[in-house]
Amino acid sequence: MNGPHDLGGQHGLGPVAPETDEPYFHAEWEKRALGVTLSCGAFGAWTIDESRHARESLPPATYLSASYYEIWTRALETLLKRHGFLTQAELDAGHMLEKGAQPKRVLKAEMVAGVLAKGGPCERPVATPPRFVVGERVRTKNFNPETHTRLPRYARAKKGVVEAVQGSFVFPDDNAHGRGENPQWVYTVVFDGGEIWGEGADPTLTISIDAWESYLEQA
């Protein structure tokens, strides 16, 4: 979707200003926000793609005025309500009012290190060979879905070159909405700065994205 998260090339937001020696967390509550989000993700009720879409779907004024972990916690509230683990009344009250849905599994303290080390691999086999090869010129499709997509708005309808075939992976555009994993081949595609940003772009700049096969067509 074209939400407040998809800001590449937009004016009015100022330069990117990396923080020198930035800490992992800027406040103690951020540690808890991360822990709660990962613990709830372990319930098995939603996918990482659905959680991303929940963050993207926050109202723009809310998203753009919130810090990184505020966005996480606000999206988590949406997911917990959507899947029946709590209600808005319970959020307002700050405690449980009725028994909600039961998680498929609970992440306990002694399990954390192993679960984090295992990660969440999303490589999946597909029956067909890759449609595109390294060095081939391709064009990204031009679409503006209201649903989740991993194709950035700034990189749509642009011509680039396939730099690598990364393998086959879960297709997030479907997986975010319960339509199955439907894996596809994923390619690293490189674009010239001028192709992305147009006249006045730095001629030495290149930009690469990882693009699922259905995002691409032959140029």
Foldseek 3Di string as FASTA:
>chain_A
DPFLVQCPPPPDPDDDDDDPPDDPDPDPVLVVLVVVLVQVVVLVPADPLLLVQLLRPDHNVVNVVDDPSVSNVNSVVVVCCVQWCAHPVCVVVVHGDDHTDGGPDGDDPVCVVVDVVVDDDFADDDDDDDPDDFFFKKAFAQDDDPADAPQRNLRHRFIWTFHDWPHKGFHSRCRSPPNDRPIFIKTKTKDAQCRRNNPPGDRVDIDIDIDGRVRIDGD
